[in-house]
Amino acid sequence: MTAAAVVMLGIPVADGTALRCNVRAHVTKIPGCPTLMSAEVMTPTVAKIHVLALLSLAAAAASGARSPAPLPGLSHATAALALAEETGAATYAPLELRYAGEQLEQARQLQSDGEIDEARRLLEQSLVNSDLAVAKSRLGRTREAVQVQAAANAQLRADADRPAAQTP
């Protein structure tokens, strides 16, 4: 069973008048179901508005419930920070180590807030600070080893310069 619906459209024209045309649509009726052209569907009622609001809220909650996409490089920056801690950055590069940790935490927070670009930038800074902390730690340990070796060499020279008679 079909029904014809006639709709009058007014299309505005530049001179302020409107072109009018009739649009004829054929709608197939299914018994017991309201058609899109019927007053049952088109009339906004309080119940329909509430259902629409609830569906919108459910969709918004479902989209917000998703966990944010993991940042590429997050595990790499975390591993670099752990390496910096293992190499003794707390002793040789405490400032860089602290900055790297703070930047990593800020990046995680920004990721959860959805600010991915800013989170990536902070991850890169954290990675650079972790690498700098590792380099300073290695440099500090190397300097200590050089000082120990220099002291041992000085002792050997002093022993070699002593006359053989004084050696026990």
N, C-alpha and C. Protein backbone atom coordinates (compact mmCIF):
# COMPACT_ATOMS: atom_id res chain seq x y z
N MET A 1 0.85 -1.15 0.00
CA MET A 1 0.00 0.00 0.00
C MET A 1 0.91 1.23 0.00
N THR A 2 0.72 2.11 -0.94
CA THR A 2 1.53 3.32 -1.00
C THR A 2 0.65 4.54 -0.86
N ALA A 3 1.24 5.60 -0.39
CA ALA A 3 0.52 6.86 -0.26
C ALA A 3 1.41 7.94 -0.83
N ALA A 4 0.81 8.90 -1.43
CA ALA A 4 1.58 10.00 -1.99
C ALA A 4 1.54 11.17 -1.03
N ALA A 5 2.65 11.76 -0.82
CA ALA A 5 2.72 12.93 0.04
C ALA A 5 3.22 14.09 -0.82
N VAL A 6 2.59 15.19 -0.69
CA VAL A 6 2.99 16.37 -1.45
C VAL A 6 3.54 17.39 -0.45
N VAL A 7 4.74 17.85 -0.74
CA VAL A 7 5.39 18.81 0.13
C VAL A 7 5.68 20.05 -0.69
N MET A 8 5.39 21.17 -0.15
CA MET A 8 5.65 22.43 -0.84
C MET A 8 6.98 22.97 -0.36
N LEU A 9 7.91 23.19 -1.26
CA LEU A 9 9.22 23.71 -0.91
C LEU A 9 9.35 25.14 -1.39
N GLY A 10 9.93 26.00 -0.56
CA GLY A 10 10.23 27.36 -0.97
C GLY A 10 11.73 27.52 -1.03
N ILE A 11 12.27 27.81 -2.19
CA ILE A 11 13.71 27.96 -2.36
C ILE A 11 13.99 29.44 -2.54
N PRO A 12 14.75 30.08 -1.64
CA PRO A 12 15.01 31.51 -1.75
C PRO A 12 15.86 31.83 -2.97
N VAL A 13 15.56 32.95 -3.58
CA VAL A 13 16.30 33.43 -4.74
C VAL A 13 16.93 34.77 -4.35
N ALA A 14 17.95 35.20 -5.08
CA ALA A 14 18.71 36.38 -4.74
C ALA A 14 17.86 37.65 -4.67
N ASP A 15 16.81 37.75 -5.43
CA ASP A 15 16.02 38.99 -5.42
C ASP A 15 15.01 39.04 -4.29
N GLY A 16 15.05 38.08 -3.38
CA GLY A 16 14.16 38.09 -2.22
C GLY A 16 12.89 37.28 -2.42
N THR A 17 12.64 36.81 -3.61
CA THR A 17 11.46 35.98 -3.84
C THR A 17 11.82 34.53 -3.60
N ALA A 18 10.87 33.67 -3.72
CA ALA A 18 11.14 32.25 -3.52
C ALA A 18 10.53 31.46 -4.66
N LEU A 19 11.29 30.50 -5.13
CA LEU A 19 10.75 29.57 -6.12
C LEU A 19 9.96 28.52 -5.36
N ARG A 20 8.83 28.22 -5.85
CA ARG A 20 8.01 27.23 -5.17
C ARG A 20 7.86 26.03 -6.10
N CYS A 21 7.98 24.85 -5.49
CA CYS A 21 7.79 23.65 -6.28
C CYS A 21 7.13 22.59 -5.43
N ASN A 22 6.45 21.73 -6.06
CA ASN A 22 5.81 20.62 -5.36
C ASN A 22 6.70 19.39 -5.49
N VAL A 23 6.91 18.72 -4.40
CA VAL A 23 7.67 17.49 -4.42
C VAL A 23 6.69 16.38 -4.05
N ARG A 24 6.61 15.40 -4.90
CA ARG A 24 5.70 14.30 -4.66
C ARG A 24 6.54 13.08 -4.30
N ALA A 25 6.27 12.50 -3.16
CA ALA A 25 7.00 11.32 -2.71
C ALA A 25 6.02 10.18 -2.51
N HIS A 26 6.43 9.02 -2.89
CA HIS A 26 5.61 7.84 -2.65
C HIS A 26 6.21 7.10 -1.46
N VAL A 27 5.43 6.87 -0.47
CA VAL A 27 5.87 6.23 0.75
C VAL A 27 5.14 4.91 0.89
N THR A 28 5.89 3.86 1.14
CA THR A 28 5.29 2.55 1.35
C THR A 28 4.91 2.44 2.82
N LYS A 29 3.67 2.10 3.06
CA LYS A 29 3.20 1.98 4.44
C LYS A 29 3.28 0.53 4.89
N ILE A 30 3.81 0.35 6.08
CA ILE A 30 3.82 -0.97 6.69
C ILE A 30 2.79 -0.91 7.81
N PRO A 31 1.86 -1.85 7.84
CA PRO A 31 0.81 -1.80 8.86
C PRO A 31 1.42 -1.81 10.26
N GLY A 32 0.95 -0.90 11.08
CA GLY A 32 1.40 -0.83 12.47
C GLY A 32 2.64 0.03 12.68
N CYS A 33 3.31 0.46 11.62
CA CYS A 33 4.51 1.29 11.73
C CYS A 33 4.21 2.69 11.23
N PRO A 34 4.59 3.69 11.98
CA PRO A 34 4.36 5.04 11.48
C PRO A 34 5.33 5.35 10.34
N THR A 35 4.88 6.12 9.38
CA THR A 35 5.76 6.51 8.28
C THR A 35 6.49 7.78 8.68
N LEU A 36 7.55 8.07 7.95
CA LEU A 36 8.33 9.28 8.24
C LEU A 36 7.50 10.54 8.00
N MET A 37 6.49 10.44 7.16
CA MET A 37 5.68 11.61 6.85
C MET A 37 4.50 11.74 7.80
N SER A 38 4.32 10.78 8.68
CA SER A 38 3.16 10.83 9.56
C SER A 38 3.43 11.75 10.74
N ALA A 39 2.39 12.19 11.35
CA ALA A 39 2.51 13.11 12.48
C ALA A 39 3.09 12.40 13.70
N GLU A 40 2.97 11.05 13.77
CA GLU A 40 3.47 10.32 14.93
C GLU A 40 4.99 10.39 15.03
N VAL A 41 5.67 10.41 13.92
CA VAL A 41 7.13 10.42 13.91
C VAL A 41 7.66 11.85 13.93
N MET A 42 7.05 12.72 13.17
CA MET A 42 7.59 14.05 12.97
C MET A 42 7.33 15.00 14.13
N THR A 43 6.34 14.75 14.92
CA THR A 43 6.00 15.67 16.00
C THR A 43 6.91 15.40 17.19
N PRO A 44 7.67 16.40 17.64
CA PRO A 44 8.52 16.19 18.81
C PRO A 44 7.68 16.19 20.08
N THR A 45 7.78 15.10 20.80
CA THR A 45 7.09 15.02 22.09
C THR A 45 8.15 14.93 23.17
N VAL A 46 7.72 15.13 24.40
CA VAL A 46 8.65 15.08 25.52
C VAL A 46 9.30 13.71 25.62
N ALA A 47 8.54 12.67 25.41
CA ALA A 47 9.08 11.31 25.50
C ALA A 47 10.14 11.08 24.43
N LYS A 48 9.87 11.54 23.19
CA LYS A 48 10.84 11.36 22.11
C LYS A 48 12.11 12.17 22.37
N ILE A 49 11.94 13.35 22.90
CA ILE A 49 13.11 14.20 23.20
C ILE A 49 13.95 13.56 24.29
N HIS A 50 13.31 12.99 25.31
CA HIS A 50 14.06 12.33 26.38
C HIS A 50 14.79 11.08 25.88
N VAL A 51 14.13 10.32 25.03
CA VAL A 51 14.79 9.13 24.46
C VAL A 51 15.99 9.56 23.64
N LEU A 52 15.83 10.59 22.83
CA LEU A 52 16.93 11.09 22.02
C LEU A 52 18.08 11.59 22.90
N ALA A 53 17.75 12.28 23.97
CA ALA A 53 18.78 12.78 24.89
C ALA A 53 19.53 11.62 25.55
N LEU A 54 18.79 10.59 25.97
CA LEU A 54 19.43 9.44 26.59
C LEU A 54 20.33 8.70 25.61
N LEU A 55 19.88 8.55 24.37
CA LEU A 55 20.72 7.90 23.36
C LEU A 55 21.97 8.72 23.08
N SER A 56 21.84 10.03 23.04
CA SER A 56 23.00 10.90 22.82
C SER A 56 23.99 10.79 23.97
N LEU A 57 23.48 10.78 25.20
CA LEU A 57 24.37 10.64 26.36
C LEU A 57 25.06 9.28 26.37
N ALA A 58 24.32 8.24 26.01
CA ALA A 58 24.93 6.91 25.98
C ALA A 58 26.04 6.85 24.93
N ALA A 59 25.80 7.45 23.77
CA ALA A 59 26.83 7.46 22.73
C ALA A 59 28.04 8.26 23.16
N ALA A 60 27.80 9.39 23.82
CA ALA A 60 28.92 10.21 24.30
C ALA A 60 29.71 9.47 25.38
N ALA A 61 29.01 8.80 26.26
CA ALA A 61 29.70 8.05 27.32
C ALA A 61 30.50 6.90 26.74
N ALA A 62 29.94 6.23 25.75
CA ALA A 62 30.65 5.11 25.13
C ALA A 62 31.89 5.59 24.40
N SER A 63 31.81 6.71 23.74
CA SER A 63 32.99 7.21 23.03
C SER A 63 34.03 7.73 24.00
N GLY A 64 33.60 8.31 25.12
CA GLY A 64 34.55 8.81 26.12
C GLY A 64 35.12 7.71 26.98
N ALA A 65 34.46 6.56 27.02
CA ALA A 65 34.93 5.47 27.87
C ALA A 65 36.11 4.74 27.27
N ARG A 66 36.33 4.94 25.98
CA ARG A 66 37.46 4.28 25.35
C ARG A 66 38.76 4.82 25.91
N SER A 67 39.71 3.94 26.12
CA SER A 67 41.01 4.40 26.60
C SER A 67 41.73 5.09 25.45
N PRO A 68 42.51 6.11 25.77
CA PRO A 68 43.21 6.81 24.69
C PRO A 68 44.22 5.90 24.01
N ALA A 69 44.46 6.18 22.77
CA ALA A 69 45.42 5.37 22.01
C ALA A 69 46.80 5.53 22.63
N PRO A 70 47.52 4.43 22.75
CA PRO A 70 48.85 4.54 23.36
C PRO A 70 49.77 5.38 22.49
N LEU A 71 50.57 6.17 23.16
CA LEU A 71 51.51 7.02 22.45
C LEU A 71 52.66 6.19 21.93
N PRO A 72 53.01 6.38 20.67
CA PRO A 72 54.21 5.70 20.20
C PRO A 72 55.41 6.32 20.89
N GLY A 73 56.27 5.50 21.40
CA GLY A 73 57.46 6.01 22.07
C GLY A 73 57.33 6.06 23.59
N LEU A 74 56.14 5.79 24.12
CA LEU A 74 55.95 5.83 25.57
C LEU A 74 56.80 4.77 26.25
N SER A 75 56.79 3.56 25.72
CA SER A 75 57.59 2.49 26.32
C SER A 75 59.08 2.76 26.15
N HIS A 76 59.45 3.36 25.02
CA HIS A 76 60.86 3.69 24.78
C HIS A 76 61.34 4.75 25.77
N ALA A 77 60.52 5.78 26.01
CA ALA A 77 60.89 6.83 26.96
C ALA A 77 60.94 6.28 28.38
N THR A 78 60.04 5.36 28.71
CA THR A 78 60.05 4.74 30.04
C THR A 78 61.31 3.90 30.22
N ALA A 79 61.68 3.15 29.19
CA ALA A 79 62.89 2.34 29.26
C ALA A 79 64.14 3.21 29.36
N ALA A 80 64.16 4.34 28.65
CA ALA A 80 65.31 5.26 28.70
C ALA A 80 65.44 5.86 30.10
N LEU A 81 64.32 6.17 30.74
CA LEU A 81 64.36 6.70 32.10
C LEU A 81 64.86 5.64 33.07
N ALA A 82 64.43 4.40 32.90
CA ALA A 82 64.90 3.31 33.76
C ALA A 82 66.41 3.09 33.58
N LEU A 83 66.89 3.18 32.34
CA LEU A 83 68.32 3.03 32.08
C LEU A 83 69.11 4.15 32.75
N ALA A 84 68.58 5.36 32.69
CA ALA A 84 69.24 6.49 33.33
C ALA A 84 69.35 6.27 34.84
N GLU A 85 68.30 5.75 35.43
CA GLU A 85 68.33 5.47 36.88
C GLU A 85 69.34 4.38 37.19
N GLU A 86 69.42 3.36 36.34
CA GLU A 86 70.35 2.25 36.56
C GLU A 86 71.81 2.67 36.42
N THR A 87 72.07 3.63 35.55
CA THR A 87 73.46 4.03 35.32
C THR A 87 73.97 5.03 36.34
N GLY A 88 73.14 5.38 37.30
CA GLY A 88 73.59 6.27 38.36
C GLY A 88 73.33 7.74 38.09
N ALA A 89 72.30 8.04 37.34
CA ALA A 89 71.99 9.43 37.03
C ALA A 89 71.60 10.22 38.27
N ALA A 90 71.12 9.55 39.29
CA ALA A 90 70.76 10.25 40.52
C ALA A 90 72.00 10.92 41.14
N THR A 91 73.17 10.34 40.92
CA THR A 91 74.41 10.90 41.44
C THR A 91 75.05 11.89 40.48
N TYR A 92 75.11 11.52 39.20
CA TYR A 92 75.86 12.30 38.23
C TYR A 92 75.02 13.31 37.43
N ALA A 93 73.73 13.09 37.32
CA ALA A 93 72.87 13.99 36.54
C ALA A 93 71.47 14.06 37.17
N PRO A 94 71.39 14.53 38.42
CA PRO A 94 70.09 14.51 39.09
C PRO A 94 69.06 15.45 38.44
N LEU A 95 69.51 16.58 37.93
CA LEU A 95 68.58 17.53 37.32
C LEU A 95 67.95 16.96 36.05
N GLU A 96 68.78 16.38 35.19
CA GLU A 96 68.26 15.78 33.96
C GLU A 96 67.33 14.61 34.26
N LEU A 97 67.68 13.83 35.26
CA LEU A 97 66.84 12.69 35.65
C LEU A 97 65.48 13.17 36.14
N ARG A 98 65.49 14.22 36.96
CA ARG A 98 64.22 14.76 37.47
C ARG A 98 63.38 15.32 36.33
N TYR A 99 64.00 16.07 35.42
CA TYR A 99 63.26 16.62 34.28
C TYR A 99 62.66 15.51 33.42
N ALA A 100 63.43 14.48 33.17
CA ALA A 100 62.94 13.37 32.35
C ALA A 100 61.73 12.70 33.00
N GLY A 101 61.80 12.49 34.31
CA GLY A 101 60.67 11.88 35.02
C GLY A 101 59.43 12.76 35.01
N GLU A 102 59.62 14.06 35.24
CA GLU A 102 58.50 14.99 35.23
C GLU A 102 57.86 15.07 33.84
N GLN A 103 58.69 15.13 32.82
CA GLN A 103 58.15 15.23 31.46
C GLN A 103 57.41 13.96 31.06
N LEU A 104 57.90 12.81 31.50
CA LEU A 104 57.22 11.56 31.21
C LEU A 104 55.84 11.52 31.88
N GLU A 105 55.77 11.96 33.13
CA GLU A 105 54.48 11.98 33.83
C GLU A 105 53.52 12.98 33.19
N GLN A 106 54.03 14.14 32.80
CA GLN A 106 53.19 15.13 32.13
C GLN A 106 52.68 14.59 30.80
N ALA A 107 53.51 13.86 30.09
CA ALA A 107 53.09 13.27 28.81
C ALA A 107 51.97 12.26 29.03
N ARG A 108 52.09 11.46 30.07
CA ARG A 108 51.03 10.48 30.37
C ARG A 108 49.72 11.20 30.70
N GLN A 109 49.81 12.28 31.47
CA GLN A 109 48.62 13.04 31.83
C GLN A 109 47.97 13.67 30.59
N LEU A 110 48.80 14.25 29.74
CA LEU A 110 48.28 14.86 28.52
C LEU A 110 47.67 13.82 27.59
N GLN A 111 48.23 12.63 27.58
CA GLN A 111 47.67 11.56 26.76
C GLN A 111 46.27 11.21 27.26
N SER A 112 46.11 11.11 28.57
CA SER A 112 44.80 10.77 29.11
C SER A 112 43.80 11.91 28.89
N ASP A 113 44.31 13.15 28.77
CA ASP A 113 43.43 14.29 28.50
C ASP A 113 43.14 14.44 27.02
N GLY A 114 43.80 13.63 26.18
CA GLY A 114 43.55 13.67 24.75
C GLY A 114 44.43 14.64 23.97
N GLU A 115 45.41 15.25 24.62
CA GLU A 115 46.30 16.19 23.95
C GLU A 115 47.54 15.44 23.45
N ILE A 116 47.36 14.71 22.38
CA ILE A 116 48.37 13.79 21.89
C ILE A 116 49.61 14.51 21.36
N ASP A 117 49.44 15.61 20.64
CA ASP A 117 50.60 16.32 20.07
C ASP A 117 51.52 16.86 21.16
N GLU A 118 50.93 17.47 22.17
CA GLU A 118 51.73 18.00 23.29
C GLU A 118 52.38 16.84 24.06
N ALA A 119 51.67 15.74 24.20
CA ALA A 119 52.22 14.57 24.89
C ALA A 119 53.42 14.01 24.13
N ARG A 120 53.34 13.97 22.81
CA ARG A 120 54.48 13.49 21.99
C ARG A 120 55.69 14.40 22.18
N ARG A 121 55.45 15.71 22.20
CA ARG A 121 56.55 16.66 22.38
C ARG A 121 57.24 16.44 23.73
N LEU A 122 56.45 16.24 24.77
CA LEU A 122 57.03 16.01 26.09
C LEU A 122 57.74 14.66 26.16
N LEU A 123 57.22 13.66 25.45
CA LEU A 123 57.91 12.36 25.41
C LEU A 123 59.28 12.50 24.77
N GLU A 124 59.36 13.27 23.70
CA GLU A 124 60.66 13.48 23.04
C GLU A 124 61.63 14.20 23.97
N GLN A 125 61.14 15.20 24.70
CA GLN A 125 62.00 15.91 25.65
C GLN A 125 62.45 14.99 26.77
N SER A 126 61.54 14.15 27.25
CA SER A 126 61.89 13.19 28.30
C SER A 126 62.96 12.23 27.82
N LEU A 127 62.83 11.77 26.59
CA LEU A 127 63.81 10.86 26.01
C LEU A 127 65.17 11.53 25.89
N VAL A 128 65.20 12.78 25.45
CA VAL A 128 66.46 13.52 25.32
C VAL A 128 67.10 13.71 26.70
N ASN A 129 66.30 14.08 27.69
CA ASN A 129 66.85 14.27 29.04
C ASN A 129 67.34 12.96 29.63
N SER A 130 66.64 11.86 29.35
CA SER A 130 67.10 10.55 29.83
C SER A 130 68.43 10.18 29.19
N ASP A 131 68.54 10.41 27.88
CA ASP A 131 69.79 10.11 27.18
C ASP A 131 70.94 10.97 27.70
N LEU A 132 70.65 12.25 27.97
CA LEU A 132 71.67 13.14 28.52
C LEU A 132 72.09 12.68 29.91
N ALA A 133 71.14 12.24 30.71
CA ALA A 133 71.45 11.74 32.05
C ALA A 133 72.33 10.49 31.97
N VAL A 134 72.05 9.61 31.02
CA VAL A 134 72.87 8.41 30.84
C VAL A 134 74.29 8.80 30.44
N ALA A 135 74.40 9.74 29.50
CA ALA A 135 75.72 10.18 29.04
C ALA A 135 76.52 10.82 30.19
N LYS A 136 75.86 11.67 30.98
CA LYS A 136 76.56 12.30 32.11
C LYS A 136 76.96 11.27 33.17
N SER A 137 76.13 10.27 33.35
CA SER A 137 76.46 9.22 34.33
C SER A 137 77.68 8.43 33.87
N ARG A 138 77.70 8.07 32.61
CA ARG A 138 78.86 7.34 32.08
C ARG A 138 80.12 8.19 32.15
N LEU A 139 79.97 9.47 31.84
CA LEU A 139 81.11 10.38 31.92
C LEU A 139 81.60 10.49 33.36
N GLY A 140 80.69 10.62 34.30
CA GLY A 140 81.07 10.72 35.72
C GLY A 140 81.78 9.46 36.21
N ARG A 141 81.26 8.30 35.83
CA ARG A 141 81.92 7.04 36.25
C ARG A 141 83.29 6.91 35.58
N THR A 142 83.39 7.33 34.33
CA THR A 142 84.67 7.26 33.62
C THR A 142 85.69 8.20 34.28
N ARG A 143 85.27 9.39 34.65
CA ARG A 143 86.18 10.33 35.34
C ARG A 143 86.67 9.74 36.66
N GLU A 144 85.76 9.12 37.39
CA GLU A 144 86.18 8.49 38.66
C GLU A 144 87.18 7.39 38.40
N ALA A 145 86.94 6.58 37.38
CA ALA A 145 87.87 5.49 37.06
C ALA A 145 89.23 6.06 36.65
N VAL A 146 89.23 7.16 35.91
CA VAL A 146 90.49 7.80 35.50
C VAL A 146 91.23 8.32 36.73
N GLN A 147 90.51 8.91 37.66
CA GLN A 147 91.15 9.41 38.88
C GLN A 147 91.75 8.27 39.70
N VAL A 148 91.04 7.17 39.80
CA VAL A 148 91.57 6.02 40.54
C VAL A 148 92.83 5.49 39.85
N GLN A 149 92.77 5.37 38.52
CA GLN A 149 93.92 4.88 37.78
C GLN A 149 95.10 5.84 37.87
N ALA A 150 94.83 7.15 37.82
CA ALA A 150 95.90 8.15 37.94
C ALA A 150 96.57 8.06 39.31
N ALA A 151 95.79 7.83 40.35
CA ALA A 151 96.35 7.68 41.69
C ALA A 151 97.21 6.42 41.77
N ALA A 152 96.75 5.34 41.14
CA ALA A 152 97.53 4.09 41.14
C ALA A 152 98.82 4.28 40.36
N ASN A 153 98.75 5.00 39.24
CA ASN A 153 99.97 5.26 38.46
C ASN A 153 100.96 6.12 39.24
N ALA A 154 100.45 7.12 39.93
CA ALA A 154 101.32 7.98 40.74
C ALA A 154 102.01 7.16 41.83
N GLN A 155 101.29 6.24 42.42
CA GLN A 155 101.88 5.38 43.46
C GLN A 155 102.97 4.49 42.86
N LEU A 156 102.71 3.95 41.68
CA LEU A 156 103.71 3.11 41.02
C LEU A 156 104.96 3.92 40.67
N ARG A 157 104.80 5.15 40.21
CA ARG A 157 105.95 6.00 39.89
C ARG A 157 106.75 6.31 41.15
N ALA A 158 106.03 6.59 42.20
CA ALA A 158 106.72 6.90 43.46
C ALA A 158 107.50 5.68 43.92
N ASP A 159 106.93 4.51 43.78
CA ASP A 159 107.63 3.29 44.18
C ASP A 159 108.83 3.03 43.26
N ALA A 160 108.70 3.31 41.98
CA ALA A 160 109.79 3.08 41.04
C ALA A 160 110.93 4.07 41.24
N ASP A 161 110.65 5.26 41.70
CA ASP A 161 111.67 6.29 41.89
C ASP A 161 112.46 6.10 43.18
N ARG A 162 111.95 5.34 44.10
CA ARG A 162 112.67 5.09 45.35
C ARG A 162 113.89 4.22 45.07
N PRO A 163 114.96 4.49 45.76
CA PRO A 163 116.14 3.62 45.58
C PRO A 163 115.86 2.19 45.99
N ALA A 164 116.54 1.28 45.39
CA ALA A 164 116.34 -0.14 45.66
C ALA A 164 116.67 -0.51 47.07
N ALA A 165 117.52 0.23 47.76
CA ALA A 165 117.93 -0.09 49.13
C ALA A 165 116.78 0.11 50.09
N GLN A 166 115.91 1.04 49.81
CA GLN A 166 114.82 1.31 50.74
C GLN A 166 113.68 0.33 50.58
N THR A 167 113.69 -0.45 49.54
CA THR A 167 112.60 -1.40 49.30
C THR A 167 112.80 -2.59 50.23
N PRO A 168 111.83 -3.03 50.97
CA PRO A 168 111.98 -4.15 51.92
C PRO A 168 112.16 -5.46 51.26
